[in-house]
Amino acid sequence: MLANANAMNESNHNTDPIPEEFKTLADAADFWDTHSLSDYWEETQEVEIGVRASRRQWVPLATHVASRALVQAQQEGVSLETLVNLWVAERLEIAG
């Protein structure tokens, strides 16, 4: 029975070659949605990347203000952070 289970696992592995280049992010996502990186581990290489992230300033809100804003955000289908940022930007007349 164990031999059959191993054979089934081996037949389910997708070992298609990794495309040299993906035309779109969606193509890359489709490929990796159906393939396991563990099947390609030997083809990987270590890289170093730099990341630049904008700093954020956190502003505490009074509990009653945050509660009412959260209800409004949920009604509008956005996060509390997004809603508050939009409100402050509107008030300060800041575009996007």
N, C-alpha and C. Protein backbone atom coordinates (compact mmCIF):
# COMPACT_ATOMS: atom_id res chain seq x y z
N MET A 1 0.82 -1.19 0.00
CA MET A 1 0.00 0.00 0.00
C MET A 1 0.87 1.26 0.00
N LEU A 2 1.99 1.25 0.73
CA LEU A 2 2.88 2.41 0.80
C LEU A 2 3.47 2.72 -0.57
N ALA A 3 3.82 1.71 -1.35
CA ALA A 3 4.37 1.93 -2.68
C ALA A 3 3.36 2.63 -3.57
N ASN A 4 2.08 2.27 -3.47
CA ASN A 4 1.05 2.93 -4.26
C ASN A 4 0.88 4.39 -3.86
N ALA A 5 0.96 4.68 -2.57
CA ALA A 5 0.84 6.06 -2.10
C ALA A 5 1.99 6.90 -2.63
N ASN A 6 3.22 6.35 -2.59
CA ASN A 6 4.37 7.08 -3.11
C ASN A 6 4.24 7.31 -4.61
N ALA A 7 3.75 6.34 -5.33
CA ALA A 7 3.58 6.49 -6.78
C ALA A 7 2.56 7.57 -7.08
N MET A 8 1.49 7.62 -6.28
CA MET A 8 0.48 8.66 -6.48
C MET A 8 1.07 10.03 -6.23
N ASN A 9 1.86 10.17 -5.16
CA ASN A 9 2.47 11.46 -4.86
C ASN A 9 3.40 11.90 -5.98
N GLU A 10 4.20 10.96 -6.51
CA GLU A 10 5.13 11.30 -7.57
C GLU A 10 4.39 11.70 -8.83
N SER A 11 3.27 11.06 -9.14
CA SER A 11 2.53 11.40 -10.36
C SER A 11 1.83 12.75 -10.23
N ASN A 12 1.59 13.22 -9.00
CA ASN A 12 0.92 14.50 -8.81
C ASN A 12 1.89 15.68 -8.86
N HIS A 13 3.20 15.41 -8.80
CA HIS A 13 4.17 16.50 -8.83
C HIS A 13 4.24 17.10 -10.22
N ASN A 14 4.12 18.43 -10.29
CA ASN A 14 4.30 19.14 -11.55
C ASN A 14 5.74 19.61 -11.62
N THR A 15 6.48 19.07 -12.55
CA THR A 15 7.87 19.49 -12.68
C THR A 15 8.12 20.10 -14.05
N ASP A 16 7.15 20.85 -14.54
CA ASP A 16 7.34 21.58 -15.78
C ASP A 16 8.51 22.54 -15.60
N PRO A 17 9.23 22.83 -16.66
CA PRO A 17 10.32 23.81 -16.50
C PRO A 17 9.75 25.18 -16.16
N ILE A 18 10.49 25.91 -15.34
CA ILE A 18 10.08 27.28 -15.01
C ILE A 18 10.31 28.14 -16.24
N PRO A 19 9.33 28.89 -16.68
CA PRO A 19 9.54 29.77 -17.82
C PRO A 19 10.69 30.75 -17.54
N GLU A 20 11.48 31.05 -18.56
CA GLU A 20 12.59 31.99 -18.36
C GLU A 20 12.08 33.36 -17.98
N GLU A 21 10.90 33.69 -18.49
CA GLU A 21 10.31 34.99 -18.18
C GLU A 21 8.80 34.86 -18.22
N PHE A 22 8.13 35.50 -17.28
CA PHE A 22 6.67 35.54 -17.29
C PHE A 22 6.25 36.85 -17.94
N LYS A 23 5.24 36.80 -18.80
CA LYS A 23 4.79 38.01 -19.48
C LYS A 23 4.09 38.97 -18.53
N THR A 24 3.37 38.41 -17.55
CA THR A 24 2.63 39.24 -16.60
C THR A 24 2.75 38.63 -15.20
N LEU A 25 2.42 39.43 -14.21
CA LEU A 25 2.38 38.90 -12.85
C LEU A 25 1.32 37.82 -12.72
N ALA A 26 0.23 37.97 -13.47
CA ALA A 26 -0.83 36.96 -13.43
C ALA A 26 -0.31 35.61 -13.96
N ASP A 27 0.54 35.65 -15.00
CA ASP A 27 1.12 34.41 -15.52
C ASP A 27 2.00 33.74 -14.46
N ALA A 28 2.80 34.54 -13.77
CA ALA A 28 3.65 34.01 -12.70
C ALA A 28 2.79 33.42 -11.59
N ALA A 29 1.75 34.14 -11.21
CA ALA A 29 0.85 33.65 -10.15
C ALA A 29 0.19 32.34 -10.56
N ASP A 30 -0.26 32.27 -11.82
CA ASP A 30 -0.90 31.03 -12.30
C ASP A 30 0.08 29.86 -12.22
N PHE A 31 1.33 30.10 -12.62
CA PHE A 31 2.33 29.03 -12.58
C PHE A 31 2.54 28.55 -11.16
N TRP A 32 2.79 29.50 -10.23
CA TRP A 32 3.11 29.10 -8.86
C TRP A 32 1.88 28.62 -8.08
N ASP A 33 0.68 28.94 -8.55
CA ASP A 33 -0.52 28.37 -7.94
C ASP A 33 -0.64 26.88 -8.21
N THR A 34 0.00 26.41 -9.27
CA THR A 34 -0.13 25.01 -9.65
C THR A 34 1.19 24.23 -9.52
N HIS A 35 2.24 24.87 -9.00
CA HIS A 35 3.53 24.23 -8.84
C HIS A 35 4.08 24.53 -7.46
N SER A 36 4.87 23.61 -6.94
CA SER A 36 5.45 23.80 -5.61
C SER A 36 6.92 24.21 -5.73
N LEU A 37 7.28 25.24 -4.99
CA LEU A 37 8.68 25.68 -4.99
C LEU A 37 9.61 24.56 -4.55
N SER A 38 9.12 23.68 -3.69
CA SER A 38 9.97 22.58 -3.22
C SER A 38 10.43 21.69 -4.38
N ASP A 39 9.68 21.64 -5.47
CA ASP A 39 10.08 20.85 -6.63
C ASP A 39 11.19 21.54 -7.43
N TYR A 40 11.43 22.81 -7.16
CA TYR A 40 12.39 23.60 -7.93
C TYR A 40 13.50 24.17 -7.04
N TRP A 41 13.57 23.71 -5.81
CA TRP A 41 14.49 24.30 -4.83
C TRP A 41 15.93 24.34 -5.33
N GLU A 42 16.35 23.29 -6.03
CA GLU A 42 17.74 23.23 -6.52
C GLU A 42 18.02 24.30 -7.58
N GLU A 43 16.99 24.87 -8.17
CA GLU A 43 17.15 25.89 -9.20
C GLU A 43 17.17 27.31 -8.62
N THR A 44 16.96 27.43 -7.32
CA THR A 44 16.93 28.76 -6.71
C THR A 44 18.33 29.25 -6.38
N GLN A 45 18.43 30.55 -6.21
CA GLN A 45 19.70 31.13 -5.78
C GLN A 45 19.40 32.27 -4.83
N GLU A 46 20.34 32.50 -3.93
CA GLU A 46 20.17 33.56 -2.96
C GLU A 46 20.40 34.91 -3.62
N VAL A 47 19.54 35.86 -3.31
CA VAL A 47 19.69 37.22 -3.84
C VAL A 47 19.54 38.21 -2.70
N GLU A 48 20.07 39.37 -2.91
CA GLU A 48 19.94 40.44 -1.93
C GLU A 48 19.14 41.56 -2.57
N ILE A 49 18.12 42.03 -1.86
CA ILE A 49 17.31 43.12 -2.40
C ILE A 49 17.21 44.23 -1.37
N GLY A 50 17.01 45.42 -1.86
CA GLY A 50 16.77 46.55 -0.97
C GLY A 50 15.31 46.94 -1.04
N VAL A 51 14.77 47.33 0.08
CA VAL A 51 13.37 47.72 0.15
C VAL A 51 13.28 49.11 0.74
N ARG A 52 12.56 49.95 0.06
CA ARG A 52 12.30 51.29 0.59
C ARG A 52 10.83 51.38 0.95
N ALA A 53 10.57 51.61 2.18
CA ALA A 53 9.18 51.74 2.63
C ALA A 53 9.02 53.12 3.24
N SER A 54 7.91 53.74 2.89
CA SER A 54 7.67 55.05 3.46
C SER A 54 7.37 54.93 4.95
N ARG A 55 7.84 55.88 5.69
CA ARG A 55 7.57 55.87 7.13
C ARG A 55 6.15 56.32 7.38
N ARG A 56 5.59 55.80 8.42
CA ARG A 56 4.23 56.17 8.79
C ARG A 56 4.26 56.85 10.15
N GLN A 57 3.34 57.74 10.32
CA GLN A 57 3.17 58.41 11.59
C GLN A 57 1.86 57.92 12.18
N TRP A 58 1.91 57.39 13.38
CA TRP A 58 0.71 56.88 14.03
C TRP A 58 0.14 57.96 14.93
N VAL A 59 -1.15 58.20 14.80
CA VAL A 59 -1.83 59.22 15.59
C VAL A 59 -2.94 58.53 16.37
N PRO A 60 -2.85 58.56 17.69
CA PRO A 60 -3.91 57.91 18.48
C PRO A 60 -5.23 58.68 18.36
N LEU A 61 -6.30 57.94 18.31
CA LEU A 61 -7.64 58.54 18.27
C LEU A 61 -8.33 58.28 19.60
N ALA A 62 -9.15 59.22 19.98
CA ALA A 62 -9.98 58.99 21.17
C ALA A 62 -10.86 57.78 20.89
N THR A 63 -11.12 57.00 21.91
CA THR A 63 -11.87 55.75 21.75
C THR A 63 -13.21 55.97 21.09
N HIS A 64 -13.95 56.98 21.51
CA HIS A 64 -15.28 57.19 20.93
C HIS A 64 -15.18 57.63 19.47
N VAL A 65 -14.14 58.37 19.11
CA VAL A 65 -13.95 58.77 17.71
C VAL A 65 -13.59 57.55 16.86
N ALA A 66 -12.67 56.73 17.37
CA ALA A 66 -12.26 55.53 16.64
C ALA A 66 -13.43 54.58 16.45
N SER A 67 -14.27 54.44 17.46
CA SER A 67 -15.42 53.54 17.37
C SER A 67 -16.39 53.99 16.28
N ARG A 68 -16.69 55.28 16.27
CA ARG A 68 -17.63 55.78 15.25
C ARG A 68 -17.02 55.73 13.86
N ALA A 69 -15.72 56.01 13.77
CA ALA A 69 -15.05 55.95 12.47
C ALA A 69 -15.00 54.51 11.96
N LEU A 70 -14.82 53.56 12.85
CA LEU A 70 -14.78 52.15 12.46
C LEU A 70 -16.13 51.72 11.88
N VAL A 71 -17.22 52.13 12.50
CA VAL A 71 -18.55 51.81 11.98
C VAL A 71 -18.71 52.39 10.57
N GLN A 72 -18.29 53.64 10.39
CA GLN A 72 -18.37 54.29 9.08
C GLN A 72 -17.51 53.55 8.05
N ALA A 73 -16.30 53.18 8.45
CA ALA A 73 -15.40 52.46 7.54
C ALA A 73 -16.02 51.13 7.10
N GLN A 74 -16.60 50.40 8.03
CA GLN A 74 -17.24 49.12 7.70
C GLN A 74 -18.40 49.34 6.74
N GLN A 75 -19.17 50.39 6.94
CA GLN A 75 -20.29 50.69 6.05
C GLN A 75 -19.80 51.02 4.64
N GLU A 76 -18.63 51.65 4.56
CA GLU A 76 -18.08 52.03 3.25
C GLU A 76 -17.20 50.93 2.65
N GLY A 77 -16.95 49.87 3.42
CA GLY A 77 -16.17 48.76 2.91
C GLY A 77 -14.68 49.03 2.79
N VAL A 78 -14.16 49.89 3.66
CA VAL A 78 -12.73 50.19 3.67
C VAL A 78 -12.19 50.00 5.07
N SER A 79 -10.87 50.01 5.20
CA SER A 79 -10.28 49.88 6.53
C SER A 79 -10.40 51.21 7.27
N LEU A 80 -10.30 51.13 8.57
CA LEU A 80 -10.32 52.33 9.40
C LEU A 80 -9.18 53.26 9.00
N GLU A 81 -7.99 52.70 8.75
CA GLU A 81 -6.83 53.50 8.38
C GLU A 81 -7.07 54.25 7.07
N THR A 82 -7.67 53.57 6.10
CA THR A 82 -7.95 54.20 4.81
C THR A 82 -8.94 55.34 4.98
N LEU A 83 -10.01 55.09 5.72
CA LEU A 83 -11.02 56.11 5.91
C LEU A 83 -10.45 57.34 6.60
N VAL A 84 -9.70 57.15 7.67
CA VAL A 84 -9.14 58.27 8.41
C VAL A 84 -8.15 59.04 7.53
N ASN A 85 -7.32 58.32 6.76
CA ASN A 85 -6.39 59.00 5.86
C ASN A 85 -7.13 59.83 4.82
N LEU A 86 -8.22 59.31 4.28
CA LEU A 86 -9.01 60.07 3.31
C LEU A 86 -9.60 61.31 3.95
N TRP A 87 -10.15 61.17 5.13
CA TRP A 87 -10.75 62.32 5.82
C TRP A 87 -9.71 63.41 6.10
N VAL A 88 -8.57 63.01 6.61
CA VAL A 88 -7.54 64.00 6.93
C VAL A 88 -7.03 64.65 5.66
N ALA A 89 -6.82 63.87 4.60
CA ALA A 89 -6.35 64.43 3.33
C ALA A 89 -7.37 65.42 2.77
N GLU A 90 -8.65 65.08 2.86
CA GLU A 90 -9.70 66.00 2.39
C GLU A 90 -9.68 67.29 3.19
N ARG A 91 -9.57 67.16 4.49
CA ARG A 91 -9.57 68.34 5.35
C ARG A 91 -8.37 69.25 5.07
N LEU A 92 -7.23 68.63 4.79
CA LEU A 92 -6.01 69.39 4.51
C LEU A 92 -5.87 69.72 3.04
N GLU A 93 -6.88 69.32 2.25
CA GLU A 93 -6.88 69.56 0.80
C GLU A 93 -5.63 68.99 0.15
N ILE A 94 -5.32 67.73 0.49
CA ILE A 94 -4.17 67.03 -0.07
C ILE A 94 -4.71 66.05 -1.12
N ALA A 95 -4.15 66.11 -2.32
CA ALA A 95 -4.57 65.19 -3.38
C ALA A 95 -3.85 63.86 -3.21
N GLY A 96 -4.61 62.74 -3.50
CA GLY A 96 -4.11 61.38 -3.54
C GLY A 96 -2.93 61.15 -2.72
